[in-house]
Each structure stands twice: as structure tokens, then as C-alpha cells.
N, C-alpha and C. Protein backbone atom coordinates (compact mmCIF):
# COMPACT_ATOMS: atom_id res chain seq x y z
N MET A 1 1.03 -0.99 -0.04
CA MET A 1 0.17 0.07 0.00
C MET A 1 0.82 1.05 0.08
N ALA A 2 0.63 2.24 -0.87
CA ALA A 2 1.51 3.40 -0.94
C ALA A 2 0.69 4.55 -0.21
N LYS A 3 1.61 5.31 0.27
CA LYS A 3 0.85 6.44 1.32
C LYS A 3 1.50 7.94 0.66
N ILE A 4 0.68 8.81 0.90
CA ILE A 4 1.09 10.30 0.41
C ILE A 4 2.30 10.54 1.34
N VAL A 5 3.42 10.90 0.77
CA VAL A 5 4.65 11.37 1.26
C VAL A 5 4.77 12.96 1.26
N HIS A 6 4.04 13.49 0.57
CA HIS A 6 4.39 14.92 0.21
C HIS A 6 3.13 15.88 -0.14
N PHE A 7 2.88 16.89 0.24
CA PHE A 7 2.06 17.86 -0.14
C PHE A 7 2.36 19.05 -0.67
N ASP A 8 1.71 19.70 -1.53
CA ASP A 8 1.89 20.95 -2.08
C ASP A 8 0.90 21.94 -1.99
N LEU A 9 1.31 23.27 -1.55
CA LEU A 9 0.50 24.44 -1.39
C LEU A 9 1.06 25.46 -2.53
N GLN A 10 -0.13 26.26 -2.66
CA GLN A 10 0.21 27.57 -3.79
C GLN A 10 -0.16 28.74 -3.31
N ALA A 11 0.39 29.78 -3.54
CA ALA A 11 0.04 31.03 -3.03
C ALA A 11 0.29 32.01 -3.99
N THR A 12 -0.52 33.05 -4.13
CA THR A 12 -0.30 34.02 -4.87
C THR A 12 1.03 34.89 -4.70
N ASP A 13 1.40 35.12 -3.44
CA ASP A 13 2.82 35.59 -3.07
C ASP A 13 3.25 34.64 -1.78
N PRO A 14 4.09 33.63 -2.32
CA PRO A 14 4.39 32.73 -1.20
C PRO A 14 4.99 33.34 -0.02
N GLU A 15 5.82 34.16 -0.27
CA GLU A 15 6.53 35.13 0.91
C GLU A 15 5.61 35.56 1.88
N LYS A 16 4.63 36.34 1.46
CA LYS A 16 3.70 36.87 2.17
C LYS A 16 2.83 36.00 2.98
N ILE A 17 2.50 34.48 2.50
CA ILE A 17 1.89 33.69 3.24
C ILE A 17 2.56 32.77 4.10
N ILE A 18 3.81 32.70 4.28
CA ILE A 18 4.76 32.03 5.00
C ILE A 18 4.17 32.24 6.37
N PRO A 19 4.41 33.62 6.70
CA PRO A 19 4.19 33.78 8.23
C PRO A 19 3.00 33.26 8.75
N PHE A 20 1.81 33.14 7.94
CA PHE A 20 0.62 32.76 8.27
C PHE A 20 0.71 31.31 8.76
N TYR A 21 1.41 30.50 7.98
CA TYR A 21 1.74 29.10 8.40
C TYR A 21 2.52 28.78 9.64
N GLU A 22 3.59 29.61 9.72
CA GLU A 22 4.70 29.60 10.83
C GLU A 22 3.89 30.15 12.01
N LYS A 23 3.11 31.04 12.09
CA LYS A 23 2.38 31.49 13.14
C LYS A 23 1.09 30.52 13.75
N ALA A 24 0.58 30.16 12.72
CA ALA A 24 -0.69 29.32 12.97
C ALA A 24 -0.47 27.84 13.66
N PHE A 25 0.59 27.25 12.75
CA PHE A 25 0.90 25.94 12.91
C PHE A 25 2.35 25.63 13.36
N GLY A 26 3.17 26.60 13.37
CA GLY A 26 4.55 26.77 13.83
C GLY A 26 5.39 25.70 12.78
N TRP A 27 4.88 25.78 11.55
CA TRP A 27 5.66 25.09 10.45
C TRP A 27 7.02 25.91 10.02
N LYS A 28 8.10 25.18 9.64
CA LYS A 28 9.27 26.08 9.16
C LYS A 28 9.34 25.70 7.65
N PHE A 29 9.73 27.07 7.17
CA PHE A 29 10.02 27.02 5.76
C PHE A 29 11.39 27.22 5.33
N ASN A 30 11.93 26.56 4.19
CA ASN A 30 13.33 26.61 3.51
C ASN A 30 13.27 26.68 2.33
N LYS A 31 13.96 27.74 1.63
CA LYS A 31 13.91 28.00 0.44
C LYS A 31 14.86 26.64 -0.39
N CYS A 32 14.12 25.96 -1.23
CA CYS A 32 14.62 24.83 -1.95
C CYS A 32 16.00 25.18 -2.52
N PRO A 33 16.82 24.38 -2.14
CA PRO A 33 18.39 24.61 -2.35
C PRO A 33 18.51 24.48 -4.18
N PRO A 34 19.45 25.44 -4.47
CA PRO A 34 19.77 25.24 -6.03
C PRO A 34 20.14 24.03 -6.65
N GLU A 35 20.81 22.93 -5.81
CA GLU A 35 21.16 22.10 -6.15
C GLU A 35 19.89 20.85 -6.71
N THR A 36 18.72 21.21 -5.97
CA THR A 36 17.46 20.39 -6.12
C THR A 36 16.49 21.21 -7.08
N CYS A 37 16.66 22.50 -6.79
CA CYS A 37 15.31 23.08 -7.55
C CYS A 37 16.19 24.05 -8.64
N PRO A 38 15.70 24.57 -9.76
CA PRO A 38 16.14 25.36 -10.32
C PRO A 38 16.13 26.72 -9.68
N PRO A 39 17.31 27.59 -9.95
CA PRO A 39 17.41 29.07 -9.14
C PRO A 39 16.28 29.99 -9.42
N ASP A 40 15.53 29.92 -10.64
CA ASP A 40 14.33 30.74 -10.86
C ASP A 40 13.08 30.31 -10.44
N GLN A 41 13.43 29.09 -9.70
CA GLN A 41 11.74 28.62 -9.35
C GLN A 41 11.78 28.94 -7.82
N GLN A 42 10.43 29.39 -7.63
CA GLN A 42 10.37 29.85 -6.41
C GLN A 42 9.42 28.90 -5.24
N TYR A 43 10.32 27.81 -4.69
CA TYR A 43 9.92 27.01 -3.97
C TYR A 43 10.50 26.65 -2.73
N TRP A 44 9.58 26.63 -1.50
CA TRP A 44 9.83 26.48 -0.18
C TRP A 44 9.57 25.03 0.35
N LEU A 45 10.59 24.45 1.01
CA LEU A 45 10.21 22.97 1.73
C LEU A 45 9.64 23.37 2.85
N ILE A 46 8.53 22.69 3.18
CA ILE A 46 7.82 23.01 4.71
C ILE A 46 7.95 21.73 5.60
N GLU A 47 8.66 21.88 6.65
CA GLU A 47 8.75 21.15 7.67
C GLU A 47 7.47 21.22 8.61
N THR A 48 6.61 20.43 8.80
CA THR A 48 5.47 20.43 9.64
C THR A 48 5.74 19.67 11.15
N GLY A 49 6.56 19.44 11.39
CA GLY A 49 6.89 18.89 12.71
C GLY A 49 8.12 18.07 12.79
N PRO A 50 8.64 17.09 13.94
CA PRO A 50 9.64 16.31 14.01
C PRO A 50 9.46 15.16 13.09
N LYS A 51 10.51 14.55 12.79
CA LYS A 51 10.33 13.54 11.94
C LYS A 51 10.01 12.02 12.55
N ASP A 52 9.93 12.15 13.89
CA ASP A 52 9.84 10.82 14.57
C ASP A 52 8.00 11.12 15.11
N GLU A 53 7.40 12.11 14.67
CA GLU A 53 6.01 12.29 14.99
C GLU A 53 5.24 11.85 13.56
N PRO A 54 4.09 11.36 13.65
CA PRO A 54 3.30 11.16 12.57
C PRO A 54 2.82 12.53 11.44
N GLY A 55 2.79 12.34 10.17
CA GLY A 55 2.39 13.60 9.39
C GLY A 55 3.47 13.44 8.45
N ILE A 56 3.14 14.40 7.41
CA ILE A 56 4.21 14.59 6.23
C ILE A 56 4.55 16.11 6.21
N ASP A 57 5.46 16.32 5.43
CA ASP A 57 6.07 17.49 4.97
C ASP A 57 5.41 17.84 3.75
N GLY A 58 5.93 19.17 3.67
CA GLY A 58 5.26 19.74 2.25
C GLY A 58 6.27 20.67 1.45
N GLY A 59 5.55 21.45 0.51
CA GLY A 59 6.13 22.60 -0.20
C GLY A 59 4.91 23.53 -0.56
N LEU A 60 5.80 24.76 -0.92
CA LEU A 60 4.94 25.86 -1.18
C LEU A 60 5.53 26.63 -2.51
N SER A 61 4.62 26.87 -3.31
CA SER A 61 5.10 27.42 -4.66
C SER A 61 4.10 28.53 -5.19
N LYS A 62 4.51 29.41 -5.88
CA LYS A 62 3.77 30.43 -6.54
C LYS A 62 2.67 29.86 -7.46
N LYS A 63 1.40 30.34 -7.00
CA LYS A 63 0.24 29.67 -7.92
C LYS A 63 0.81 29.66 -9.53
N GLY A 64 0.31 28.46 -10.12
CA GLY A 64 0.89 28.23 -11.56
C GLY A 64 2.07 27.79 -11.61
N ALA A 65 2.95 27.92 -10.71
CA ALA A 65 4.22 27.53 -10.99
C ALA A 65 4.49 26.08 -11.03
N GLY A 66 3.54 25.43 -10.54
CA GLY A 66 3.90 23.73 -10.28
C GLY A 66 2.35 23.10 -10.20
N PRO A 67 2.30 21.85 -10.35
CA PRO A 67 1.13 21.03 -10.11
C PRO A 67 0.52 21.39 -8.82
N GLY A 68 1.07 21.63 -7.65
CA GLY A 68 0.03 22.13 -6.41
C GLY A 68 -0.76 20.74 -6.27
N VAL A 69 0.00 19.24 -5.88
CA VAL A 69 -0.60 18.04 -5.85
C VAL A 69 -0.10 17.42 -4.61
N ASN A 70 -0.72 16.48 -4.21
CA ASN A 70 -0.39 15.36 -3.32
C ASN A 70 0.54 14.40 -4.04
N THR A 71 1.48 14.04 -3.29
CA THR A 71 2.75 13.15 -3.90
C THR A 71 2.57 11.75 -3.11
N ILE A 72 2.50 10.78 -3.87
CA ILE A 72 2.59 9.40 -3.36
C ILE A 72 3.84 8.66 -3.52
N GLY A 73 4.23 8.05 -2.34
CA GLY A 73 5.49 7.39 -2.30
C GLY A 73 5.49 5.92 -3.03
N VAL A 74 6.29 5.65 -3.71
CA VAL A 74 6.44 4.27 -4.15
C VAL A 74 7.48 3.70 -4.19
N ALA A 75 7.84 2.19 -4.01
CA ALA A 75 9.01 1.76 -4.14
C ALA A 75 9.64 1.67 -5.47
N ASN A 76 8.84 1.20 -6.69
CA ASN A 76 9.28 0.99 -7.90
C ASN A 76 8.42 1.98 -8.99
N LEU A 77 8.73 2.97 -9.13
CA LEU A 77 8.14 4.01 -9.92
C LEU A 77 7.61 3.47 -11.35
N GLU A 78 8.50 2.79 -11.98
CA GLU A 78 8.09 2.31 -13.21
C GLU A 78 7.16 1.35 -13.25
N GLU A 79 7.14 0.63 -12.23
CA GLU A 79 5.83 -0.82 -11.88
C GLU A 79 4.76 -0.14 -11.77
N VAL A 80 4.75 1.18 -11.04
CA VAL A 80 3.39 1.72 -10.41
C VAL A 80 2.81 2.66 -11.63
N VAL A 81 3.64 3.18 -12.43
CA VAL A 81 3.33 3.88 -13.70
C VAL A 81 2.53 3.05 -14.76
N GLU A 82 3.19 1.82 -14.95
CA GLU A 82 2.33 0.94 -15.55
C GLU A 82 1.13 0.53 -15.16
N ARG A 83 0.94 0.22 -13.62
CA ARG A 83 -0.42 0.12 -13.11
C ARG A 83 -1.28 1.18 -13.29
N VAL A 84 -0.88 2.57 -13.07
CA VAL A 84 -1.84 3.67 -13.37
C VAL A 84 -2.11 3.62 -14.54
N LYS A 85 -1.25 3.36 -15.74
CA LYS A 85 -1.79 3.70 -16.79
C LYS A 85 -3.03 2.57 -17.39
N ALA A 86 -2.69 1.26 -16.87
CA ALA A 86 -3.44 0.06 -17.12
C ALA A 86 -4.77 0.16 -16.54
N GLU A 87 -4.88 1.34 -15.29
CA GLU A 87 -6.25 1.53 -14.80
C GLU A 87 -6.98 2.82 -15.18
N GLY A 88 -6.23 3.24 -16.37
CA GLY A 88 -7.02 4.43 -17.09
C GLY A 88 -6.13 5.70 -16.61
N GLY A 89 -5.37 5.85 -15.89
CA GLY A 89 -4.55 7.08 -15.61
C GLY A 89 -3.83 7.75 -16.78
N GLU A 90 -3.34 8.89 -16.71
CA GLU A 90 -2.60 9.57 -17.87
C GLU A 90 -1.61 10.33 -17.24
N ILE A 91 -0.50 10.18 -17.99
CA ILE A 91 0.72 10.65 -17.64
C ILE A 91 0.94 12.12 -17.78
N THR A 92 0.85 13.07 -17.13
CA THR A 92 0.96 14.61 -17.40
C THR A 92 2.42 15.13 -17.31
N MET A 93 3.34 14.54 -16.61
CA MET A 93 4.69 14.91 -16.68
C MET A 93 5.55 13.54 -16.54
N PRO A 94 6.17 13.18 -17.27
CA PRO A 94 6.98 11.91 -17.45
C PRO A 94 8.04 12.06 -16.22
N LYS A 95 8.57 10.85 -15.85
CA LYS A 95 9.63 10.70 -14.92
C LYS A 95 10.65 11.61 -15.32
N MET A 96 11.27 12.31 -13.83
CA MET A 96 12.35 13.03 -13.93
C MET A 96 13.06 12.93 -12.71
N PRO A 97 14.49 13.46 -12.65
CA PRO A 97 14.85 13.19 -11.41
C PRO A 97 14.76 14.37 -10.80
N ILE A 98 15.02 14.12 -9.21
CA ILE A 98 15.29 15.13 -8.22
C ILE A 98 16.56 15.12 -7.66
N PRO A 99 17.46 15.71 -8.00
CA PRO A 99 18.99 15.45 -7.54
C PRO A 99 18.97 15.28 -6.01
N GLY A 100 19.41 14.24 -5.52
CA GLY A 100 19.59 14.02 -4.01
C GLY A 100 18.58 13.62 -3.53
N VAL A 101 17.20 13.32 -4.22
CA VAL A 101 15.93 13.07 -3.70
C VAL A 101 15.72 11.62 -4.13
N GLY A 102 15.44 11.70 -5.41
CA GLY A 102 14.96 10.38 -6.35
C GLY A 102 14.38 10.79 -7.49
N TRP A 103 13.24 10.21 -7.94
CA TRP A 103 12.48 10.37 -9.11
C TRP A 103 10.94 10.76 -8.76
N ILE A 104 10.58 11.56 -9.90
CA ILE A 104 9.11 12.01 -9.54
C ILE A 104 8.24 12.04 -10.95
N ALA A 105 6.98 11.75 -11.25
CA ALA A 105 6.39 11.85 -12.25
C ALA A 105 4.81 12.42 -11.80
N TYR A 106 4.03 12.89 -12.78
CA TYR A 106 2.81 13.27 -12.30
C TYR A 106 1.68 12.89 -13.38
N PHE A 107 0.49 12.75 -12.90
CA PHE A 107 -0.51 11.98 -13.22
C PHE A 107 -1.92 12.52 -13.34
N LYS A 108 -2.72 12.09 -14.36
CA LYS A 108 -4.14 12.39 -13.72
C LYS A 108 -4.87 10.91 -13.53
N ASP A 109 -5.88 10.92 -12.69
CA ASP A 109 -6.57 9.74 -12.61
C ASP A 109 -8.00 9.70 -13.54
N PRO A 110 -8.43 8.71 -13.73
CA PRO A 110 -9.81 8.91 -14.74
C PRO A 110 -10.60 9.81 -14.68
N ASP A 111 -10.86 10.53 -13.46
CA ASP A 111 -11.68 11.46 -13.13
C ASP A 111 -10.81 12.97 -13.19
N GLY A 112 -9.65 12.88 -13.66
CA GLY A 112 -9.02 14.36 -14.04
C GLY A 112 -8.15 14.75 -12.74
N ASN A 113 -8.17 14.14 -11.75
CA ASN A 113 -7.38 14.58 -10.38
C ASN A 113 -5.74 14.47 -10.68
N VAL A 114 -5.15 15.24 -10.39
CA VAL A 114 -3.76 15.42 -10.59
C VAL A 114 -3.07 14.82 -9.30
N PHE A 115 -1.96 13.74 -9.52
CA PHE A 115 -1.37 13.54 -8.48
C PHE A 115 0.13 13.33 -8.93
N GLY A 116 1.24 13.10 -7.79
CA GLY A 116 2.43 12.81 -8.25
C GLY A 116 2.88 11.24 -7.65
N LEU A 117 3.92 10.87 -8.29
CA LEU A 117 4.62 9.43 -7.59
C LEU A 117 5.83 9.76 -7.62
N MET A 118 6.49 9.45 -6.38
CA MET A 118 7.88 9.55 -6.23
C MET A 118 8.51 8.21 -5.65
N GLN A 119 9.62 8.05 -5.90
CA GLN A 119 10.58 7.11 -5.67
C GLN A 119 11.86 7.57 -5.04
N ASP A 120 11.98 7.41 -4.01
CA ASP A 120 13.37 8.01 -3.35
C ASP A 120 14.58 7.28 -3.80
N ASP A 121 15.83 8.04 -3.44
CA ASP A 121 17.14 7.50 -4.14
C ASP A 121 17.37 6.03 -3.47
N LYS A 122 16.94 5.85 -2.32
CA LYS A 122 17.27 4.36 -2.02
C LYS A 122 16.78 3.17 -3.03
N ASN A 123 15.47 3.69 -3.61
CA ASN A 123 15.10 2.54 -4.66
C ASN A 123 15.17 2.90 -6.07
N ALA A 124 15.94 4.13 -6.23
CA ALA A 124 16.14 4.70 -7.57
C ALA A 124 16.92 3.64 -8.61
N LYS A 125 16.32 3.97 -9.89
CA LYS A 125 17.00 2.93 -10.96
C LYS A 125 17.39 4.12 -12.09
């Protein structure tokens, strides 16, 4: 069974919305490092709590800059891609590397909902 491992939020002005989440929930925001994200991409990694507590971390980008979706962790991306396609899913962005993290791809389910699949470096091929 695969679980959601990352969520994405989008904002008209990400830098203005960050204080809301910091003060309301105690979340920590870190600008995505250039070795992982393109320097022209406005993307912040969100730490929602200690790693040893239940829950997931996420990201924040400018509205329209990315898919703004939930990402599901999988052990073998290529295997799950085939299952998604067999069940009527559609690839919206093919597999691409995230340096130092793993691989990601985006899809639409048969009802048009967009989601991501991520395979971490431990399982990367």
C-alpha cells in the first residue's frame, strides 16, 4: 500500500503567506536549494514537525508555478506507472530526477485529479 509522502500548497505571493503558516501551525519554511530546484523557481520546503511524529512535510510555490498536488511514495516508480496507465490514468509529466532525492512523475486519474508519484534514491533506478 502506498502513502502520501508530500503535499504542495500554492499562493499568489508565497513570501507573504509563509508567516501565516509559521504562526498558525509552527511550520518551518526553507527555500529549496539550487542543487535540487532551479534557481528561478520559487519553492520552499515545509517542515511540519519532528520526523519521529506522524505526518508529512510539504512544499510551497507560487500559484501556477507547479502542479500543487499530493505526492504518493512508491518503491518502484516504473512498475506503478504501468499499473496507473492500465487502470486508466494519464501521464501529465514523465519521470524526471530530483537530484539528491529520487524520481518523480505526475498523472491524472480517470476523473481528472492530478497526483504525483515519487521514488526515493534508496530505490532509484
